[in-house]
C-alpha atoms as a PDB file:
ATOM      1  CA  UNK A   1     -10.611 -24.873  -4.328  1.00  0.00           C
ATOM      2  CA  UNK A   2      -8.138 -26.543  -6.659  1.00  0.00           C
ATOM      3  CA  UNK A   3      -4.420 -25.867  -6.907  1.00  0.00           C
ATOM      4  CA  UNK A   4      -3.558 -24.916 -10.506  1.00  0.00           C
ATOM      5  CA  UNK A   5       0.214 -24.706 -10.939  1.00  0.00           C
ATOM      6  CA  UNK A   6      -0.135 -22.786 -14.214  1.00  0.00           C
ATOM      7  CA  UNK A   7      -1.566 -19.763 -12.388  1.00  0.00           C
ATOM      8  CA  UNK A   8       1.412 -19.389 -10.015  1.00  0.00           C
ATOM      9  CA  UNK A   9       4.427 -17.349 -11.079  1.00  0.00           C
ATOM     10  CA  UNK A  10       7.656 -16.095  -9.531  1.00  0.00           C
ATOM     11  CA  UNK A  11       8.390 -12.400 -10.043  1.00  0.00           C
ATOM     12  CA  UNK A  12      11.704 -11.980 -11.842  1.00  0.00           C
ATOM     13  CA  UNK A  13      14.079  -9.056 -12.205  1.00  0.00           C
ATOM     14  CA  UNK A  14      13.571  -9.260 -15.965  1.00  0.00           C
ATOM     15  CA  UNK A  15       9.815  -8.806 -15.630  1.00  0.00           C
ATOM     16  CA  UNK A  16      10.296  -5.932 -13.174  1.00  0.00           C
ATOM     17  CA  UNK A  17      12.772  -4.288 -15.557  1.00  0.00           C
ATOM     18  CA  UNK A  18      10.162  -4.496 -18.326  1.00  0.00           C
ATOM     19  CA  UNK A  19       7.525  -2.937 -16.055  1.00  0.00           C
ATOM     20  CA  UNK A  20       9.703  -0.055 -14.895  1.00  0.00           C
ATOM     21  CA  UNK A  21       8.977   3.316 -16.551  1.00  0.00           C
ATOM     22  CA  UNK A  22      11.943   5.723 -16.584  1.00  0.00           C
ATOM     23  CA  UNK A  23      11.127   9.305 -15.620  1.00  0.00           C
ATOM     24  CA  UNK A  24      10.754  11.334 -18.856  1.00  0.00           C
ATOM     25  CA  UNK A  25      13.437  13.987 -19.331  1.00  0.00           C
ATOM     26  CA  UNK A  26      10.861  16.765 -19.518  1.00  0.00           C
ATOM     27  CA  UNK A  27       8.592  15.516 -16.727  1.00  0.00           C
ATOM     28  CA  UNK A  28       7.020  17.970 -14.304  1.00  0.00           C
ATOM     29  CA  UNK A  29       5.231  17.462 -11.005  1.00  0.00           C
ATOM     30  CA  UNK A  30       1.889  17.414 -12.792  1.00  0.00           C
ATOM     31  CA  UNK A  31       2.896  14.697 -15.228  1.00  0.00           C
ATOM     32  CA  UNK A  32       4.364  12.638 -12.367  1.00  0.00           C
ATOM     33  CA  UNK A  33       0.940  12.371 -10.748  1.00  0.00           C
ATOM     34  CA  UNK A  34      -0.925  13.473  -7.647  1.00  0.00           C
ATOM     35  CA  UNK A  35      -1.382  11.102  -4.736  1.00  0.00           C
ATOM     36  CA  UNK A  36      -3.748  11.343  -1.791  1.00  0.00           C
ATOM     37  CA  UNK A  37      -3.044   9.657   1.547  1.00  0.00           C
ATOM     38  CA  UNK A  38      -5.597   9.331   4.336  1.00  0.00           C
ATOM     39  CA  UNK A  39      -3.749   8.073   7.393  1.00  0.00           C
ATOM     40  CA  UNK A  40      -2.819   8.577  11.025  1.00  0.00           C
ATOM     41  CA  UNK A  41      -4.620   9.172  14.291  1.00  0.00           C
ATOM     42  CA  UNK A  42      -3.731  10.681  17.635  1.00  0.00           C
ATOM     43  CA  UNK A  43      -2.081   7.489  18.887  1.00  0.00           C
ATOM     44  CA  UNK A  44      -0.444   6.471  15.585  1.00  0.00           C
ATOM     45  CA  UNK A  45       0.968   9.522  13.781  1.00  0.00           C
ATOM     46  CA  UNK A  46       4.122   7.682  12.718  1.00  0.00           C
ATOM     47  CA  UNK A  47       2.266   5.443  10.262  1.00  0.00           C
ATOM     48  CA  UNK A  48       1.148   8.465   8.258  1.00  0.00           C
ATOM     49  CA  UNK A  49       4.691   9.838   8.212  1.00  0.00           C
ATOM     50  CA  UNK A  50       6.228   6.570   6.989  1.00  0.00           C
ATOM     51  CA  UNK A  51       3.647   6.113   4.227  1.00  0.00           C
ATOM     52  CA  UNK A  52       3.958   9.721   3.131  1.00  0.00           C
ATOM     53  CA  UNK A  53       7.748   9.661   2.960  1.00  0.00           C
ATOM     54  CA  UNK A  54       7.756   6.361   1.068  1.00  0.00           C
ATOM     55  CA  UNK A  55       5.254   7.753  -1.447  1.00  0.00           C
ATOM     56  CA  UNK A  56       7.420  10.814  -2.043  1.00  0.00           C
ATOM     57  CA  UNK A  57      10.467   8.564  -2.534  1.00  0.00           C
ATOM     58  CA  UNK A  58       8.586   6.493  -5.132  1.00  0.00           C
ATOM     59  CA  UNK A  59       8.262   9.072  -7.863  1.00  0.00           C
ATOM     60  CA  UNK A  60       4.948  10.894  -7.595  1.00  0.00           C
ATOM     61  CA  UNK A  61       4.866  14.607  -8.316  1.00  0.00           C
ATOM     62  CA  UNK A  62       2.627  15.819  -5.513  1.00  0.00           C
ATOM     63  CA  UNK A  63       1.385  14.254  -2.282  1.00  0.00           C
ATOM     64  CA  UNK A  64      -1.559  15.458  -0.219  1.00  0.00           C
ATOM     65  CA  UNK A  65      -1.848  13.994   3.283  1.00  0.00           C
ATOM     66  CA  UNK A  66      -5.303  14.147   4.861  1.00  0.00           C
ATOM     67  CA  UNK A  67      -5.100  13.573   8.612  1.00  0.00           C
ATOM     68  CA  UNK A  68      -6.188  14.939  11.993  1.00  0.00           C
ATOM     69  CA  UNK A  69      -4.520  18.160  13.116  1.00  0.00           C
ATOM     70  CA  UNK A  70      -2.526  16.340  15.800  1.00  0.00           C
ATOM     71  CA  UNK A  71      -0.945  14.167  13.099  1.00  0.00           C
ATOM     72  CA  UNK A  72      -0.285  16.952  10.620  1.00  0.00           C
ATOM     73  CA  UNK A  73       1.452  19.059  13.236  1.00  0.00           C
ATOM     74  CA  UNK A  74       4.030  16.278  13.604  1.00  0.00           C
ATOM     75  CA  UNK A  75       4.442  15.821   9.836  1.00  0.00           C
ATOM     76  CA  UNK A  76       4.761  19.534   9.044  1.00  0.00           C
ATOM     77  CA  UNK A  77       8.410  20.029   9.982  1.00  0.00           C
ATOM     78  CA  UNK A  78       9.594  16.481   9.257  1.00  0.00           C
ATOM     79  CA  UNK A  79       8.164  16.293   5.726  1.00  0.00           C
ATOM     80  CA  UNK A  80       7.883  19.769   4.180  1.00  0.00           C
ATOM     81  CA  UNK A  81       7.394  18.316   0.682  1.00  0.00           C
ATOM     82  CA  UNK A  82       3.884  17.076   1.562  1.00  0.00           C
ATOM     83  CA  UNK A  83       0.738  19.166   1.160  1.00  0.00           C
ATOM     84  CA  UNK A  84      -1.465  19.008   4.242  1.00  0.00           C
ATOM     85  CA  UNK A  85      -5.230  18.549   4.340  1.00  0.00           C
ATOM     86  CA  UNK A  86      -6.811  18.961   7.789  1.00  0.00           C
ATOM     87  CA  UNK A  87      -9.575  16.619   8.871  1.00  0.00           C
ATOM     88  CA  UNK A  88     -12.468  18.261  10.667  1.00  0.00           C
ATOM     89  CA  UNK A  89     -11.644  16.132  13.721  1.00  0.00           C
ATOM     90  CA  UNK A  90      -8.437  16.837  15.630  1.00  0.00           C
ATOM     91  CA  UNK A  91      -7.796  13.216  16.694  1.00  0.00           C
ATOM     92  CA  UNK A  92      -9.063  10.818  13.999  1.00  0.00           C
ATOM     93  CA  UNK A  93     -10.185  10.565  10.392  1.00  0.00           C
ATOM     94  CA  UNK A  94     -13.822  11.612  10.167  1.00  0.00           C
ATOM     95  CA  UNK A  95     -14.466  13.494   6.932  1.00  0.00           C
ATOM     96  CA  UNK A  96     -13.542  13.140   3.281  1.00  0.00           C
ATOM     97  CA  UNK A  97     -10.964  15.533   1.841  1.00  0.00           C
ATOM     98  CA  UNK A  98     -12.091  17.870  -0.929  1.00  0.00           C
ATOM     99  CA  UNK A  99      -9.367  16.773  -3.357  1.00  0.00           C
ATOM    100  CA  UNK A 100     -10.642  13.290  -4.234  1.00  0.00           C
ATOM    101  CA  UNK A 101     -11.579  14.175  -7.822  1.00  0.00           C
ATOM    102  CA  UNK A 102      -8.106  15.618  -8.463  1.00  0.00           C
ATOM    103  CA  UNK A 103      -6.117  12.579  -7.336  1.00  0.00           C
ATOM    104  CA  UNK A 104      -4.474  10.148  -9.683  1.00  0.00           C
ATOM    105  CA  UNK A 105      -4.303   7.632  -6.814  1.00  0.00           C
ATOM    106  CA  UNK A 106      -5.489   7.317  -3.229  1.00  0.00           C
ATOM    107  CA  UNK A 107      -4.381   5.205  -0.253  1.00  0.00           C
ATOM    108  CA  UNK A 108      -6.099   4.885   3.103  1.00  0.00           C
ATOM    109  CA  UNK A 109      -5.505   3.014   6.330  1.00  0.00           C
ATOM    110  CA  UNK A 110      -2.068   3.307   7.970  1.00  0.00           C
ATOM    111  CA  UNK A 111      -2.485   4.300  11.616  1.00  0.00           C
ATOM    112  CA  UNK A 112      -6.105   5.244  10.977  1.00  0.00           C
ATOM    113  CA  UNK A 113      -7.643   3.705  14.095  1.00  0.00           C
ATOM    114  CA  UNK A 114     -11.178   2.358  14.330  1.00  0.00           C
ATOM    115  CA  UNK A 115     -13.118   5.240  15.839  1.00  0.00           C
ATOM    116  CA  UNK A 116     -16.814   5.235  14.895  1.00  0.00           C
ATOM    117  CA  UNK A 117     -16.235   8.442  12.935  1.00  0.00           C
ATOM    118  CA  UNK A 118     -13.506   6.708  10.909  1.00  0.00           C
ATOM    119  CA  UNK A 119     -15.807   3.755  10.205  1.00  0.00           C
ATOM    120  CA  UNK A 120     -18.387   6.147   8.790  1.00  0.00           C
ATOM    121  CA  UNK A 121     -15.675   7.917   6.815  1.00  0.00           C
ATOM    122  CA  UNK A 122     -14.567   4.657   5.163  1.00  0.00           C
ATOM    123  CA  UNK A 123     -18.143   3.945   4.086  1.00  0.00           C
ATOM    124  CA  UNK A 124     -18.551   7.440   2.636  1.00  0.00           C
ATOM    125  CA  UNK A 125     -15.269   7.032   0.766  1.00  0.00           C
ATOM    126  CA  UNK A 126     -16.288   3.717  -0.779  1.00  0.00           C
ATOM    127  CA  UNK A 127     -19.591   5.225  -1.885  1.00  0.00           C
ATOM    128  CA  UNK A 128     -17.811   8.205  -3.447  1.00  0.00           C
ATOM    129  CA  UNK A 129     -14.671   6.966  -5.205  1.00  0.00           C
ATOM    130  CA  UNK A 130     -14.906   5.074  -8.491  1.00  0.00           C
ATOM    131  CA  UNK A 131     -11.186   4.647  -9.343  1.00  0.00           C
ATOM    132  CA  UNK A 132      -8.927   1.915  -7.867  1.00  0.00           C
ATOM    133  CA  UNK A 133      -7.681   2.709  -4.358  1.00  0.00           C
ATOM    134  CA  UNK A 134      -5.172   1.172  -1.941  1.00  0.00           C
ATOM    135  CA  UNK A 135      -6.443  -0.075   1.416  1.00  0.00           C
ATOM    136  CA  UNK A 136      -4.196  -1.095   4.294  1.00  0.00           C
ATOM    137  CA  UNK A 137      -4.158  -1.626   8.059  1.00  0.00           C
ATOM    138  CA  UNK A 138      -7.220  -0.231   9.856  1.00  0.00           C
ATOM    139  CA  UNK A 139      -9.061   0.380   6.605  1.00  0.00           C
ATOM    140  CA  UNK A 140      -8.910  -3.407   6.156  1.00  0.00           C
ATOM    141  CA  UNK A 141      -9.877  -4.057   9.770  1.00  0.00           C
ATOM    142  CA  UNK A 142     -12.922  -1.827   9.361  1.00  0.00           C
ATOM    143  CA  UNK A 143     -13.770  -3.560   6.088  1.00  0.00           C
ATOM    144  CA  UNK A 144     -13.515  -6.991   7.734  1.00  0.00           C
ATOM    145  CA  UNK A 145     -16.156  -5.910  10.265  1.00  0.00           C
ATOM    146  CA  UNK A 146     -18.427  -4.637   7.492  1.00  0.00           C
ATOM    147  CA  UNK A 147     -18.070  -7.272   4.797  1.00  0.00           C
ATOM    148  CA  UNK A 148     -21.144  -6.071   2.938  1.00  0.00           C
ATOM    149  CA  UNK A 149     -19.001  -3.104   1.870  1.00  0.00           C
ATOM    150  CA  UNK A 150     -16.730  -5.374  -0.184  1.00  0.00           C
ATOM    151  CA  UNK A 151     -19.128  -4.931  -3.092  1.00  0.00           C
ATOM    152  CA  UNK A 152     -18.379  -1.192  -3.017  1.00  0.00           C
ATOM    153  CA  UNK A 153     -14.666  -1.642  -3.718  1.00  0.00           C
ATOM    154  CA  UNK A 154     -13.704  -0.214  -7.115  1.00  0.00           C
ATOM    155  CA  UNK A 155     -12.406  -2.933  -9.417  1.00  0.00           C
ATOM    156  CA  UNK A 156      -8.623  -3.380  -9.362  1.00  0.00           C
ATOM    157  CA  UNK A 157      -8.281  -1.772  -5.951  1.00  0.00           C
ATOM    158  CA  UNK A 158      -5.240  -3.028  -4.059  1.00  0.00           C
ATOM    159  CA  UNK A 159      -5.658  -4.551  -0.591  1.00  0.00           C
ATOM    160  CA  UNK A 160      -2.482  -5.165   1.435  1.00  0.00           C
ATOM    161  CA  UNK A 161      -3.306  -7.393   4.413  1.00  0.00           C
ATOM    162  CA  UNK A 162      -0.850  -9.283   6.553  1.00  0.00           C
ATOM    163  CA  UNK A 163      -1.851 -12.818   7.449  1.00  0.00           C
ATOM    164  CA  UNK A 164      -4.038 -11.850  10.410  1.00  0.00           C
ATOM    165  CA  UNK A 165      -5.851  -9.120   8.492  1.00  0.00           C
ATOM    166  CA  UNK A 166      -6.503 -11.469   5.591  1.00  0.00           C
ATOM    167  CA  UNK A 167      -7.892 -14.119   7.926  1.00  0.00           C
ATOM    168  CA  UNK A 168     -10.330 -11.546   9.297  1.00  0.00           C
ATOM    169  CA  UNK A 169     -11.306 -10.431   5.791  1.00  0.00           C
ATOM    170  CA  UNK A 170     -12.251 -13.921   4.621  1.00  0.00           C
ATOM    171  CA  UNK A 171     -13.521 -14.992   8.079  1.00  0.00           C
ATOM    172  CA  UNK A 172     -11.734 -18.318   7.738  1.00  0.00           C
ATOM    173  CA  UNK A 173      -8.681 -19.817   9.378  1.00  0.00           C
ATOM    174  CA  UNK A 174      -6.139 -21.195   6.948  1.00  0.00           C
ATOM    175  CA  UNK A 175      -4.122 -24.297   7.758  1.00  0.00           C
ATOM    176  CA  UNK A 176      -1.010 -23.357   5.798  1.00  0.00           C
ATOM    177  CA  UNK A 177       0.486 -20.970   3.248  1.00  0.00           C
ATOM    178  CA  UNK A 178      -0.813 -22.874   0.228  1.00  0.00           C
ATOM    179  CA  UNK A 179      -4.374 -22.843   1.520  1.00  0.00           C
ATOM    180  CA  UNK A 180      -4.065 -19.109   2.262  1.00  0.00           C
ATOM    181  CA  UNK A 181      -2.874 -18.469  -1.289  1.00  0.00           C
ATOM    182  CA  UNK A 182      -5.829 -20.383  -2.720  1.00  0.00           C
ATOM    183  CA  UNK A 183      -8.264 -18.384  -0.600  1.00  0.00           C
ATOM    184  CA  UNK A 184      -6.589 -15.180  -1.806  1.00  0.00           C
ATOM    185  CA  UNK A 185      -6.912 -16.360  -5.397  1.00  0.00           C
ATOM    186  CA  UNK A 186     -10.651 -16.936  -4.973  1.00  0.00           C
ATOM    187  CA  UNK A 187     -11.139 -13.686  -3.028  1.00  0.00           C
ATOM    188  CA  UNK A 188      -9.411 -11.587  -5.708  1.00  0.00           C
ATOM    189  CA  UNK A 189     -11.479 -13.147  -8.484  1.00  0.00           C
ATOM    190  CA  UNK A 190     -14.752 -12.853  -6.612  1.00  0.00           C
ATOM    191  CA  UNK A 191     -14.348  -9.159  -5.838  1.00  0.00           C
ATOM    192  CA  UNK A 192     -12.236  -8.240  -8.903  1.00  0.00           C
ATOM    193  CA  UNK A 193      -9.495  -6.733  -6.759  1.00  0.00           C
ATOM    194  CA  UNK A 194      -5.776  -7.222  -6.190  1.00  0.00           C
ATOM    195  CA  UNK A 195      -4.764  -8.830  -2.887  1.00  0.00           C
ATOM    196  CA  UNK A 196      -1.201  -8.470  -1.593  1.00  0.00           C
ATOM    197  CA  UNK A 197      -0.606 -10.829   1.323  1.00  0.00           C
ATOM    198  CA  UNK A 198       2.428  -9.424   3.107  1.00  0.00           C
ATOM    199  CA  UNK A 199       5.135 -11.584   4.596  1.00  0.00           C
ATOM    200  CA  UNK A 200       8.216 -13.525   3.622  1.00  0.00           C
ATOM    201  CA  UNK A 201       7.660 -14.232  -0.084  1.00  0.00           C
ATOM    202  CA  UNK A 202       4.804 -11.742  -0.345  1.00  0.00           C
ATOM    203  CA  UNK A 203       2.057 -13.102  -2.607  1.00  0.00           C
ATOM    204  CA  UNK A 204      -0.070 -11.105  -5.049  1.00  0.00           C
ATOM    205  CA  UNK A 205      -3.452 -12.415  -6.209  1.00  0.00           C
ATOM    206  CA  UNK A 206      -4.962 -10.847  -9.329  1.00  0.00           C
ATOM    207  CA  UNK A 207      -8.588 -10.737 -10.522  1.00  0.00           C
ATOM    208  CA  UNK A 208      -7.789 -13.006 -13.496  1.00  0.00           C
ATOM    209  CA  UNK A 209      -6.697 -15.810 -11.167  1.00  0.00           C
ATOM    210  CA  UNK A 210      -2.956 -15.397 -11.636  1.00  0.00           C
ATOM    211  CA  UNK A 211      -0.733 -15.415  -8.553  1.00  0.00           C
ATOM    212  CA  UNK A 212       2.733 -13.904  -8.253  1.00  0.00           C
ATOM    213  CA  UNK A 213       5.264 -14.681  -5.520  1.00  0.00           C
ATOM    214  CA  UNK A 214       7.868 -12.039  -4.712  1.00  0.00           C
ATOM    215  CA  UNK A 215      11.432 -13.276  -4.125  1.00  0.00           C
ATOM    216  CA  UNK A 216      12.843 -10.106  -2.523  1.00  0.00           C
ATOM    217  CA  UNK A 217      12.741  -9.189   1.169  1.00  0.00           C
ATOM    218  CA  UNK A 218      13.961 -10.708   4.407  1.00  0.00           C
ATOM    219  CA  UNK A 219      12.937 -11.472   7.975  1.00  0.00           C
ATOM    220  CA  UNK A 220      14.314  -8.186   9.264  1.00  0.00           C
ATOM    221  CA  UNK A 221      11.379  -6.466   7.569  1.00  0.00           C
ATOM    222  CA  UNK A 222       8.994  -8.049  10.060  1.00  0.00           C
ATOM    223  CA  UNK A 223       8.936  -4.810  12.007  1.00  0.00           C
ATOM    224  CA  UNK A 224       6.406  -2.102  12.812  1.00  0.00           C
ATOM    225  CA  UNK A 225       5.912   0.328   9.957  1.00  0.00           C
ATOM    226  CA  UNK A 226       7.155  -1.919   7.149  1.00  0.00           C
ATOM    227  CA  UNK A 227       3.626  -2.301   5.800  1.00  0.00           C
ATOM    228  CA  UNK A 228       3.064   1.457   6.002  1.00  0.00           C
ATOM    229  CA  UNK A 229       6.131   1.906   3.809  1.00  0.00           C
ATOM    230  CA  UNK A 230       4.733  -0.564   1.258  1.00  0.00           C
ATOM    231  CA  UNK A 231       1.461   1.378   1.134  1.00  0.00           C
ATOM    232  CA  UNK A 232       3.387   4.564   0.398  1.00  0.00           C
ATOM    233  CA  UNK A 233       5.389   2.912  -2.369  1.00  0.00           C
ATOM    234  CA  UNK A 234       2.232   1.567  -3.990  1.00  0.00           C
ATOM    235  CA  UNK A 235       0.607   4.993  -3.772  1.00  0.00           C
ATOM    236  CA  UNK A 236       3.606   6.644  -5.415  1.00  0.00           C
ATOM    237  CA  UNK A 237       3.642   4.165  -8.295  1.00  0.00           C
ATOM    238  CA  UNK A 238      -0.108   4.192  -8.889  1.00  0.00           C
ATOM    239  CA  UNK A 239      -0.176   8.002  -8.898  1.00  0.00           C
ATOM    240  CA  UNK A 240       2.752   8.082 -11.310  1.00  0.00           C
ATOM    241  CA  UNK A 241       0.755   6.176 -13.902  1.00  0.00           C
ATOM    242  CA  UNK A 242       1.517   2.490 -13.458  1.00  0.00           C
ATOM    243  CA  UNK A 243      -1.470   0.197 -13.893  1.00  0.00           C
ATOM    244  CA  UNK A 244      -2.802  -1.346 -10.662  1.00  0.00           C
ATOM    245  CA  UNK A 245      -1.360  -4.702 -11.742  1.00  0.00           C
ATOM    246  CA  UNK A 246       2.117  -3.344 -12.428  1.00  0.00           C
ATOM    247  CA  UNK A 247       1.926  -1.151  -9.325  1.00  0.00           C
ATOM    248  CA  UNK A 248       1.469  -4.263  -7.188  1.00  0.00           C
ATOM    249  CA  UNK A 249       4.279  -6.192  -8.880  1.00  0.00           C
ATOM    250  CA  UNK A 250       6.840  -3.384  -8.910  1.00  0.00           C
ATOM    251  CA  UNK A 251       5.807  -2.142  -5.467  1.00  0.00           C
ATOM    252  CA  UNK A 252       6.329  -5.387  -3.576  1.00  0.00           C
ATOM    253  CA  UNK A 253       9.555  -6.117  -5.474  1.00  0.00           C
ATOM    254  CA  UNK A 254      11.071  -2.682  -4.789  1.00  0.00           C
ATOM    255  CA  UNK A 255       9.901  -2.796  -1.150  1.00  0.00           C
ATOM    256  CA  UNK A 256      11.634  -6.132  -0.593  1.00  0.00           C
ATOM    257  CA  UNK A 257      14.741  -5.131  -2.521  1.00  0.00           C
ATOM    258  CA  UNK A 258      15.130  -1.954  -0.448  1.00  0.00           C
ATOM    259  CA  UNK A 259      14.827  -4.098   2.662  1.00  0.00           C
ATOM    260  CA  UNK A 260      17.546  -6.407   1.359  1.00  0.00           C
ATOM    261  CA  UNK A 261      19.807  -3.444   0.609  1.00  0.00           C
ATOM    262  CA  UNK A 262      19.273  -2.130   4.133  1.00  0.00           C
ATOM    263  CA  UNK A 263      21.131  -5.207   5.398  1.00  0.00           C
ATOM    264  CA  UNK A 264      24.336  -3.718   4.002  1.00  0.00           C
ATOM    265  CA  UNK A 265      24.340  -1.465   7.049  1.00  0.00           C
ATOM    266  CA  UNK A 266      21.875  -3.167   9.379  1.00  0.00           C
ATOM    267  CA  UNK A 267      21.198  -6.642  10.722  1.00  0.00           C
ATOM    268  CA  UNK A 268      17.946  -8.578  10.756  1.00  0.00           C
ATOM    269  CA  UNK A 269      17.575  -7.474  14.369  1.00  0.00           C
ATOM    270  CA  UNK A 270      18.330  -3.770  13.883  1.00  0.00           C
ATOM    271  CA  UNK A 271      16.453  -3.104  10.633  1.00  0.00           C
ATOM    272  CA  UNK A 272      13.539  -0.661  11.022  1.00  0.00           C
ATOM    273  CA  UNK A 273      10.958   0.645   8.554  1.00  0.00           C
ATOM    274  CA  UNK A 274      12.808   3.913   7.948  1.00  0.00           C
ATOM    275  CA  UNK A 275      15.789   1.914   6.673  1.00  0.00           C
ATOM    276  CA  UNK A 276      13.626   0.564   3.859  1.00  0.00           C
ATOM    277  CA  UNK A 277      12.746   4.100   2.739  1.00  0.00           C
ATOM    278  CA  UNK A 278      16.382   5.184   2.870  1.00  0.00           C
ATOM    279  CA  UNK A 279      17.311   2.433   0.408  1.00  0.00           C
ATOM    280  CA  UNK A 280      14.542   2.988  -2.150  1.00  0.00           C
ATOM    281  CA  UNK A 281      16.768   5.106  -4.373  1.00  0.00           C
ATOM    282  CA  UNK A 282      19.366   2.376  -4.744  1.00  0.00           C
ATOM    283  CA  UNK A 283      16.636  -0.210  -5.251  1.00  0.00           C
ATOM    284  CA  UNK A 284      15.213   1.713  -8.215  1.00  0.00           C
ATOM    285  CA  UNK A 285      18.706   1.997  -9.677  1.00  0.00           C
ATOM    286  CA  UNK A 286      19.401  -1.724  -9.239  1.00  0.00           C
ATOM    287  CA  UNK A 287      16.394  -2.942 -11.200  1.00  0.00           C
ATOM    288  CA  UNK A 288      17.999  -1.514 -14.322  1.00  0.00           C
ATOM    289  CA  UNK A 289      21.496  -2.918 -13.685  1.00  0.00           C
END
């Protein structure tokens, strides 16, 4: 691996402003896109809720959440805007939803768990879907234990690992941030996917070798559920019609900016994932200021 400075870029507000697509005056829920979310398990229903709410706050027209009955029963009253799709198993993801062909975008992984039925479900999904998808959390953990499935990933799919998940994906320990970025650069090019390594100064690796570093965000966002929120934002943007590349750029920037805005009322210690969602509206407004 060789460090090539020309391939590394810092995301700027100007670039994000150019990417941003205002909502057309005569838009309807169909033109704003349909998103599918496969998430949650008996022990982690909150991850599905956070991702779903973030997706709805990011501009898509319709969201369908596919989850076990025990998860959906908790989402039903808290998030009436979501359409519910019941998995055949009451406790974990085990079967593909019947709406896959109707989705403009699909995300899978938050709170999914690693039950054997879910492992089989991930494989069936990768064999079925041909459009770019978003994979996070346990979807990545399952993938890291079945690396031969990497070849099944649709090109330009977006993977959102934190440092530990990325280390498991590449099966290599990295000595420092620079080395990790170089591995991500190679990994994205090899598999023709987009890799978002979450953390302070989140890094995005693209299939063409270019790397983008996000300047927004703060240490208070190192809290449970923050990554689930990012997955929801990415799903909302991808469903709305942004390209996978622009989805990744705008998604990580808006996610970090909303986290920064949350500090107007919270501290680094008190910030929680829900605070990020509550500040998405102002974050979208600010990118056009």
